[in-house]
C-alpha atoms as a PDB file:
ATOM      1  CA  MET A   1     105.894  92.812 183.125  1.00  0.00           C
ATOM      2  CA  SER A   2     108.195  90.247 184.728  1.00  0.00           C
ATOM      3  CA  VAL A   3     111.042  88.618 182.865  1.00  0.00           C
ATOM      4  CA  ARG A   4     109.137  85.335 182.978  1.00  0.00           C
ATOM      5  CA  GLY A   5     106.030  86.978 181.515  1.00  0.00           C
ATOM      6  CA  LEU A   6     108.067  88.644 178.783  1.00  0.00           C
ATOM      7  CA  GLY A   7     109.618  85.302 177.930  1.00  0.00           C
ATOM      8  CA  ARG A   8     106.197  83.721 177.517  1.00  0.00           C
ATOM      9  CA  VAL A   9     105.087  86.528 175.228  1.00  0.00           C
ATOM     10  CA  LEU A  10     108.200  86.193 173.063  1.00  0.00           C
ATOM     11  CA  GLN A  11     107.737  82.441 172.949  1.00  0.00           C
ATOM     12  CA  GLY A  12     104.148  82.855 171.804  1.00  0.00           C
ATOM     13  CA  VAL A  13     105.170  85.334 169.113  1.00  0.00           C
ATOM     14  CA  GLY A  14     107.940  83.036 167.883  1.00  0.00           C
ATOM     15  CA  ILE A  15     105.626  80.038 167.634  1.00  0.00           C
ATOM     16  CA  ALA A  16     102.933  82.097 165.882  1.00  0.00           C
ATOM     17  CA  VAL A  17     105.401  83.459 163.309  1.00  0.00           C
ATOM     18  CA  GLY A  18     106.860  80.005 162.774  1.00  0.00           C
ATOM     19  CA  LEU A  19     103.428  78.472 162.231  1.00  0.00           C
ATOM     20  CA  LEU A  20     102.527  81.192 159.739  1.00  0.00           C
ATOM     21  CA  GLY A  21     105.695  80.468 157.750  1.00  0.00           C
ATOM     22  CA  LEU A  22     105.232  76.710 157.963  1.00  0.00           C
ATOM     23  CA  ILE A  23     101.573  76.722 156.918  1.00  0.00           C
ATOM     24  CA  GLY A  24     101.970  79.497 154.356  1.00  0.00           C
ATOM     25  CA  GLY A  25     104.920  77.810 152.657  1.00  0.00           C
ATOM     26  CA  PHE A  26     103.166  74.450 152.619  1.00  0.00           C
ATOM     27  CA  VAL A  27      99.999  75.947 151.115  1.00  0.00           C
ATOM     28  CA  LEU A  28     102.051  77.761 148.469  1.00  0.00           C
ATOM     29  CA  LEU A  29     103.780  74.515 147.516  1.00  0.00           C
ATOM     30  CA  ALA A  30     100.474  72.619 147.376  1.00  0.00           C
ATOM     31  CA  VAL A  31      98.764  75.252 145.232  1.00  0.00           C
ATOM     32  CA  GLN A  32     101.586  76.202 142.869  1.00  0.00           C
ATOM     33  CA  TYR A  33     103.379  72.889 142.260  1.00  0.00           C
ATOM     34  CA  ARG A  34     102.664  69.312 141.237  1.00  0.00           C
ATOM     35  CA  PRO A  35     104.946  66.337 141.971  1.00  0.00           C
ATOM     36  CA  TYR A  36     106.089  63.887 139.300  1.00  0.00           C
ATOM     37  CA  SER A  37     108.326  60.832 139.593  1.00  0.00           C
ATOM     38  CA  VAL A  38     111.187  60.406 137.105  1.00  0.00           C
ATOM     39  CA  PRO A  39     111.879  56.724 136.286  1.00  0.00           C
ATOM     40  CA  THR A  40     114.731  57.043 133.754  1.00  0.00           C
ATOM     41  CA  ALA A  41     118.236  58.490 133.481  1.00  0.00           C
ATOM     42  CA  SER A  42     117.465  60.643 130.412  1.00  0.00           C
ATOM     43  CA  MET A  43     117.864  63.925 132.344  1.00  0.00           C
ATOM     44  CA  VAL A  44     121.006  63.075 134.331  1.00  0.00           C
ATOM     45  CA  PRO A  45     122.703  65.013 135.891  1.00  0.00           C
ATOM     46  CA  THR A  46     119.930  67.613 136.197  1.00  0.00           C
ATOM     47  CA  VAL A  47     117.433  65.013 137.428  1.00  0.00           C
ATOM     48  CA  GLN A  48     118.359  61.582 138.720  1.00  0.00           C
ATOM     49  CA  PRO A  49     116.290  58.416 138.133  1.00  0.00           C
ATOM     50  CA  GLY A  50     113.956  57.946 141.092  1.00  0.00           C
ATOM     51  CA  ASP A  51     113.765  61.664 141.870  1.00  0.00           C
ATOM     52  CA  THR A  52     110.433  63.283 142.596  1.00  0.00           C
ATOM     53  CA  ILE A  53     110.325  66.678 140.922  1.00  0.00           C
ATOM     54  CA  LEU A  54     108.087  69.708 141.398  1.00  0.00           C
ATOM     55  CA  ALA A  55     106.607  71.339 138.307  1.00  0.00           C
ATOM     56  CA  HIS A  56     104.946  74.753 138.100  1.00  0.00           C
ATOM     57  CA  PRO A  57     102.048  75.141 135.624  1.00  0.00           C
ATOM     58  CA  VAL A  58     103.062  77.202 132.584  1.00  0.00           C
ATOM     59  CA  LYS A  59     101.130  78.564 129.607  1.00  0.00           C
ATOM     60  CA  PRO A  60     102.273  77.362 126.153  1.00  0.00           C
ATOM     61  CA  GLN A  61     103.203  80.909 125.083  1.00  0.00           C
ATOM     62  CA  ASP A  62     105.428  81.313 128.155  1.00  0.00           C
ATOM     63  CA  ILE A  63     107.660  78.297 127.499  1.00  0.00           C
ATOM     64  CA  GLY A  64     111.218  79.234 126.561  1.00  0.00           C
ATOM     65  CA  ARG A  65     114.312  77.535 125.181  1.00  0.00           C
ATOM     66  CA  GLY A  66     116.203  75.879 128.008  1.00  0.00           C
ATOM     67  CA  ASP A  67     113.149  75.186 130.171  1.00  0.00           C
ATOM     68  CA  VAL A  68     112.933  71.700 131.653  1.00  0.00           C
ATOM     69  CA  VAL A  69     109.313  70.621 131.255  1.00  0.00           C
ATOM     70  CA  VAL A  70     106.907  67.805 132.036  1.00  0.00           C
ATOM     71  CA  PHE A  71     104.708  66.966 129.047  1.00  0.00           C
ATOM     72  CA  ARG A  72     102.423  64.361 127.543  1.00  0.00           C
ATOM     73  CA  ASP A  73     102.188  63.381 123.886  1.00  0.00           C
ATOM     74  CA  PRO A  74     100.011  60.588 122.419  1.00  0.00           C
ATOM     75  CA  LEU A  75     102.745  59.514 120.009  1.00  0.00           C
ATOM     76  CA  TRP A  76     105.285  59.326 122.831  1.00  0.00           C
ATOM     77  CA  GLY A  77     103.136  56.994 124.952  1.00  0.00           C
ATOM     78  CA  ASN A  78     100.867  59.637 126.520  1.00  0.00           C
ATOM     79  CA  VAL A  79     102.629  59.388 129.884  1.00  0.00           C
ATOM     80  CA  PRO A  80     104.360  62.251 131.737  1.00  0.00           C
ATOM     81  CA  GLU A  81     107.916  62.716 130.457  1.00  0.00           C
ATOM     82  CA  VAL A  82     110.660  65.177 131.386  1.00  0.00           C
ATOM     83  CA  LYS A  83     112.905  66.804 128.756  1.00  0.00           C
ATOM     84  CA  ARG A  84     114.556  70.143 128.007  1.00  0.00           C
ATOM     85  CA  VAL A  85     113.142  72.513 125.399  1.00  0.00           C
ATOM     86  CA  VAL A  86     115.799  73.400 122.805  1.00  0.00           C
ATOM     87  CA  GLY A  87     113.618  74.670 119.959  1.00  0.00           C
ATOM     88  CA  LEU A  88     110.424  76.719 119.639  1.00  0.00           C
ATOM     89  CA  GLY A  89     108.034  77.221 116.739  1.00  0.00           C
ATOM     90  CA  GLY A  90     109.968  78.526 113.714  1.00  0.00           C
ATOM     91  CA  ASP A  91     113.390  77.414 114.984  1.00  0.00           C
ATOM     92  CA  ARG A  92     115.776  75.302 112.927  1.00  0.00           C
ATOM     93  CA  VAL A  93     117.460  72.783 115.257  1.00  0.00           C
ATOM     94  CA  ALA A  94     120.433  70.825 113.932  1.00  0.00           C
ATOM     95  CA  CYS A  95     123.284  68.558 114.900  1.00  0.00           C
ATOM     96  CA  CYS A  96     126.000  69.648 114.930  1.00  0.00           C
ATOM     97  CA  ASP A  97     128.673  72.339 114.466  1.00  0.00           C
ATOM     98  CA  ALA A  98     132.389  71.551 113.984  1.00  0.00           C
ATOM     99  CA  THR A  99     132.851  71.047 117.740  1.00  0.00           C
ATOM    100  CA  GLY A 100     129.780  68.860 118.165  1.00  0.00           C
ATOM    101  CA  ARG A 101     127.468  71.501 119.633  1.00  0.00           C
ATOM    102  CA  LEU A 102     123.755  71.707 118.961  1.00  0.00           C
ATOM    103  CA  THR A 103     122.820  74.649 116.721  1.00  0.00           C
ATOM    104  CA  VAL A 104     119.593  76.631 116.798  1.00  0.00           C
ATOM    105  CA  ASN A 105     118.974  78.845 113.783  1.00  0.00           C
ATOM    106  CA  GLY A 106     122.619  78.369 112.863  1.00  0.00           C
ATOM    107  CA  VAL A 107     123.912  79.540 116.252  1.00  0.00           C
ATOM    108  CA  PRO A 108     125.960  76.978 118.243  1.00  0.00           C
ATOM    109  CA  VAL A 109     124.745  76.523 121.810  1.00  0.00           C
ATOM    110  CA  THR A 110     127.054  75.669 124.697  1.00  0.00           C
ATOM    111  CA  GLU A 111     125.048  73.548 127.141  1.00  0.00           C
ATOM    112  CA  PRO A 112     126.728  73.353 130.572  1.00  0.00           C
ATOM    113  CA  TYR A 113     124.014  71.114 132.042  1.00  0.00           C
ATOM    114  CA  LEU A 114     124.789  68.069 129.847  1.00  0.00           C
ATOM    115  CA  ALA A 115     125.977  64.806 131.364  1.00  0.00           C
ATOM    116  CA  THR A 116     129.756  64.677 131.862  1.00  0.00           C
ATOM    117  CA  GLY A 117     131.628  63.781 128.724  1.00  0.00           C
ATOM    118  CA  LEU A 118     128.601  64.184 126.476  1.00  0.00           C
ATOM    119  CA  GLY A 119     128.824  67.914 125.770  1.00  0.00           C
ATOM    120  CA  SER A 120     129.836  67.168 122.169  1.00  0.00           C
ATOM    121  CA  SER A 121     127.754  64.030 121.663  1.00  0.00           C
ATOM    122  CA  LEU A 122     124.261  64.145 120.191  1.00  0.00           C
ATOM    123  CA  GLY A 123     124.584  60.709 118.681  1.00  0.00           C
ATOM    124  CA  SER A 124     126.180  59.368 115.544  1.00  0.00           C
ATOM    125  CA  THR A 125     123.417  60.527 113.199  1.00  0.00           C
ATOM    126  CA  LYS A 126     123.227  64.151 112.193  1.00  0.00           C
ATOM    127  CA  PHE A 127     119.795  65.717 111.969  1.00  0.00           C
ATOM    128  CA  SER A 128     118.090  68.960 111.055  1.00  0.00           C
ATOM    129  CA  ALA A 129     114.521  69.811 112.001  1.00  0.00           C
ATOM    130  CA  THR A 130     112.262  72.821 111.605  1.00  0.00           C
ATOM    131  CA  VAL A 131     109.884  73.296 114.517  1.00  0.00           C
ATOM    132  CA  PRO A 132     106.283  73.973 113.412  1.00  0.00           C
ATOM    133  CA  ALA A 133     104.358  76.804 115.047  1.00  0.00           C
ATOM    134  CA  GLY A 134     102.967  75.913 118.446  1.00  0.00           C
ATOM    135  CA  ARG A 135     105.323  72.976 118.904  1.00  0.00           C
ATOM    136  CA  LEU A 136     108.579  72.227 120.737  1.00  0.00           C
ATOM    137  CA  PHE A 137     111.783  70.308 120.034  1.00  0.00           C
ATOM    138  CA  LEU A 138     112.882  68.445 123.173  1.00  0.00           C
ATOM    139  CA  LEU A 139     116.133  66.738 124.177  1.00  0.00           C
ATOM    140  CA  GLY A 140     117.300  64.981 127.329  1.00  0.00           C
ATOM    141  CA  ASP A 141     120.383  66.232 129.169  1.00  0.00           C
ATOM    142  CA  ASN A 142     121.811  62.705 129.083  1.00  0.00           C
ATOM    143  CA  ARG A 143     121.980  62.616 125.289  1.00  0.00           C
ATOM    144  CA  ALA A 144     123.572  59.158 125.123  1.00  0.00           C
ATOM    145  CA  VAL A 145     120.474  57.398 126.499  1.00  0.00           C
ATOM    146  CA  SER A 146     117.592  59.846 126.071  1.00  0.00           C
ATOM    147  CA  LEU A 147     114.683  58.906 123.806  1.00  0.00           C
ATOM    148  CA  ASP A 148     113.584  62.374 122.705  1.00  0.00           C
ATOM    149  CA  SER A 149     112.746  64.405 119.597  1.00  0.00           C
ATOM    150  CA  ARG A 150     115.585  62.694 117.721  1.00  0.00           C
ATOM    151  CA  THR A 151     113.710  59.393 118.044  1.00  0.00           C
ATOM    152  CA  HIS A 152     110.522  60.825 116.532  1.00  0.00           C
ATOM    153  CA  LEU A 153     111.881  62.851 113.611  1.00  0.00           C
ATOM    154  CA  GLY A 154     109.500  61.143 111.184  1.00  0.00           C
ATOM    155  CA  VAL A 155     106.420  62.930 112.574  1.00  0.00           C
ATOM    156  CA  ASP A 156     106.318  66.747 112.783  1.00  0.00           C
ATOM    157  CA  ASP A 157     110.144  66.745 112.823  1.00  0.00           C
ATOM    158  CA  GLY A 158     110.106  65.068 116.230  1.00  0.00           C
ATOM    159  CA  THR A 159     108.254  67.895 117.946  1.00  0.00           C
ATOM    160  CA  VAL A 160     105.450  67.887 120.512  1.00  0.00           C
ATOM    161  CA  ALA A 161     102.616  70.343 120.991  1.00  0.00           C
ATOM    162  CA  ALA A 162     103.387  73.160 123.424  1.00  0.00           C
ATOM    163  CA  SER A 163      99.865  72.637 124.775  1.00  0.00           C
ATOM    164  CA  GLY A 164     100.977  69.179 125.932  1.00  0.00           C
ATOM    165  CA  VAL A 165     103.288  70.709 128.535  1.00  0.00           C
ATOM    166  CA  VAL A 166     101.812  70.351 132.018  1.00  0.00           C
ATOM    167  CA  GLY A 167     104.512  72.158 133.964  1.00  0.00           C
ATOM    168  CA  ARG A 168     107.995  73.665 134.124  1.00  0.00           C
ATOM    169  CA  VAL A 169     110.361  71.745 136.427  1.00  0.00           C
ATOM    170  CA  GLU A 170     111.839  73.940 139.157  1.00  0.00           C
ATOM    171  CA  GLY A 171     113.243  71.518 141.701  1.00  0.00           C
ATOM    172  CA  THR A 172     113.484  68.057 143.211  1.00  0.00           C
ATOM    173  CA  VAL A 173     111.808  67.229 146.505  1.00  0.00           C
ATOM    174  CA  TRP A 174     112.703  63.563 146.989  1.00  0.00           C
ATOM    175  CA  PRO A 175     114.891  61.945 148.127  1.00  0.00           C
ATOM    176  CA  LEU A 176     115.412  64.567 150.831  1.00  0.00           C
ATOM    177  CA  GLY A 177     119.193  64.298 150.579  1.00  0.00           C
ATOM    178  CA  SER A 178     119.128  65.586 147.000  1.00  0.00           C
ATOM    179  CA  ALA A 179     116.259  68.077 147.343  1.00  0.00           C
ATOM    180  CA  ARG A 180     117.165  71.305 145.541  1.00  0.00           C
ATOM    181  CA  THR A 181     115.990  73.915 143.094  1.00  0.00           C
ATOM    182  CA  ILE A 182     116.800  73.619 139.389  1.00  0.00           C
ATOM    183  CA  GLN A 183     118.080  76.966 138.200  1.00  0.00           C
ATOM    184  CA  ARG A 184     117.147  78.737 134.993  1.00  0.00           C
ATOM    185  CA  THR A 185     119.814  78.269 132.287  1.00  0.00           C
ATOM    186  CA  ALA A 186     121.329  81.124 130.277  1.00  0.00           C
ATOM    187  CA  ALA A 187     122.537  78.785 127.491  1.00  0.00           C
ATOM    188  CA  PHE A 188     120.069  80.173 124.925  1.00  0.00           C
ATOM    189  CA  ASP A 189     120.133  83.843 125.944  1.00  0.00           C
ATOM    190  CA  ALA A 190     122.191  84.873 122.902  1.00  0.00           C
ATOM    191  CA  LEU A 191     119.367  83.807 120.597  1.00  0.00           C
ATOM    192  CA  PRO A 192     116.502  86.193 119.807  1.00  0.00           C
ATOM    193  CA  GLY A 193     113.089  85.148 121.064  1.00  0.00           C
ATOM    194  CA  GLN A 194     111.850  83.416 124.187  1.00  0.00           C
ATOM    195  CA  ASP A 195     114.681  82.275 126.468  1.00  0.00           C
ATOM    196  CA  ALA A 196     114.366  80.098 129.550  1.00  0.00           C
ATOM    197  CA  THR A 197     111.697  81.624 131.737  1.00  0.00           C
ATOM    198  CA  ALA A 198     111.966  83.042 135.240  1.00  0.00           C
ATOM    199  CA  HIS A 199     111.026  80.514 137.875  1.00  0.00           C
ATOM    200  CA  GLY A 200     108.179  80.673 140.369  1.00  0.00           C
ATOM    201  CA  PRO A 201     108.218  80.914 144.184  1.00  0.00           C
ATOM    202  CA  LEU A 202     109.603  77.446 144.906  1.00  0.00           C
ATOM    203  CA  ALA A 203     112.696  78.634 146.798  1.00  0.00           C
ATOM    204  CA  LEU A 204     110.605  81.066 148.856  1.00  0.00           C
ATOM    205  CA  ALA A 205     107.983  78.439 149.655  1.00  0.00           C
ATOM    206  CA  VAL A 206     110.592  75.884 150.738  1.00  0.00           C
ATOM    207  CA  ALA A 207     112.444  78.458 152.846  1.00  0.00           C
ATOM    208  CA  ALA A 208     109.203  79.540 154.535  1.00  0.00           C
ATOM    209  CA  THR A 209     108.178  75.941 155.255  1.00  0.00           C
ATOM    210  CA  LEU A 210     111.537  74.815 156.620  1.00  0.00           C
ATOM    211  CA  GLY A 211     112.266  78.092 158.400  1.00  0.00           C
ATOM    212  CA  GLY A 212     108.834  78.199 159.980  1.00  0.00           C
ATOM    213  CA  GLY A 213     109.100  74.632 161.206  1.00  0.00           C
ATOM    214  CA  ALA A 214     112.572  75.260 162.627  1.00  0.00           C
ATOM    215  CA  LEU A 215     111.399  78.423 164.404  1.00  0.00           C
ATOM    216  CA  VAL A 216     108.494  76.570 166.033  1.00  0.00           C
ATOM    217  CA  LEU A 217     110.778  73.794 167.276  1.00  0.00           C
ATOM    218  CA  LEU A 218     113.515  76.119 168.519  1.00  0.00           C
ATOM    219  CA  THR A 219     111.058  78.452 170.243  1.00  0.00           C
ATOM    220  CA  ALA A 220     109.271  75.574 171.941  1.00  0.00           C
ATOM    221  CA  ALA A 221     112.594  74.047 173.018  1.00  0.00           C
ATOM    222  CA  ALA A 222     113.825  77.383 174.377  1.00  0.00           C
ATOM    223  CA  GLY A 223     110.603  77.765 176.367  1.00  0.00           C
ATOM    224  CA  THR A 224     110.955  74.285 177.821  1.00  0.00           C
ATOM    225  CA  VAL A 225     114.586  74.845 178.830  1.00  0.00           C
ATOM    226  CA  GLY A 226     113.736  78.236 180.304  1.00  0.00           C
ATOM    227  CA  GLY A 227     110.902  76.720 182.354  1.00  0.00           C
ATOM    228  CA  LEU A 228     113.164  73.986 183.719  1.00  0.00           C
ATOM    229  CA  LEU A 229     115.840  76.494 184.746  1.00  0.00           C
ATOM    230  CA  THR A 230     113.252  78.694 186.444  1.00  0.00           C
ATOM    231  CA  ARG A 231     111.843  75.770 188.451  1.00  0.00           C
ATOM    232  CA  ARG A 232     115.337  74.655 189.424  1.00  0.00           C
ATOM    233  CA  ARG A 233     116.221  78.094 190.716  1.00  0.00           C
ATOM    234  CA  GLY A 234     112.903  78.178 192.602  1.00  0.00           C
ATOM    235  CA  SER A 235     113.535  74.839 194.270  1.00  0.00           C
ATOM    236  CA  ARG A 236     117.005  75.969 195.381  1.00  0.00           C
ATOM    237  CA  GLY A 237     115.543  79.174 196.822  1.00  0.00           C
END
């Protein structure tokens, strides 16, 4: 086989592999994730207002403390909202210890994801709530502005049904400049019970989509450049 023929074969293989990655990653994203728009600053800095997030479906029994979730609740307006789970059924959630940290079952929790300067601020009013079975206690990462379980303490201690969760947030997809994955937190790992859950294949799907697209473009460009150089050498000969 000539060098030119070998180049064509390699180009074809590169484009085929790139298309497989591009299409496969896109299909995985479409099947496994749902987009939601975030209108408020209640989850800053984890999620910015105006971001479009990707949420992976999750069963109620698989939700863990520390998960960022999208949920609906009739008493909260029955619209998709995004908050962080800090208490599960049976937990006692309270504000606060001597240094201003949230406590869960009497254990202070250091939360590194909170908005700057608000790590010790859960508001001026102390609270204590017991989470009923099958329900969740939810707080925003931007505690100074978030309307969350603290606002609804009068009904079921401010909790929402775990069955109302429609997905676990694993990343932002828009705007493109801030697209990224949202990592699992280890803040609650010292507590017994269900911690933040392992995330799905978002990073793999994004890498396959972007990598596949880049491979197709680079392979096609290399083939075009190679063809031009070959014709130029032929014309000189």
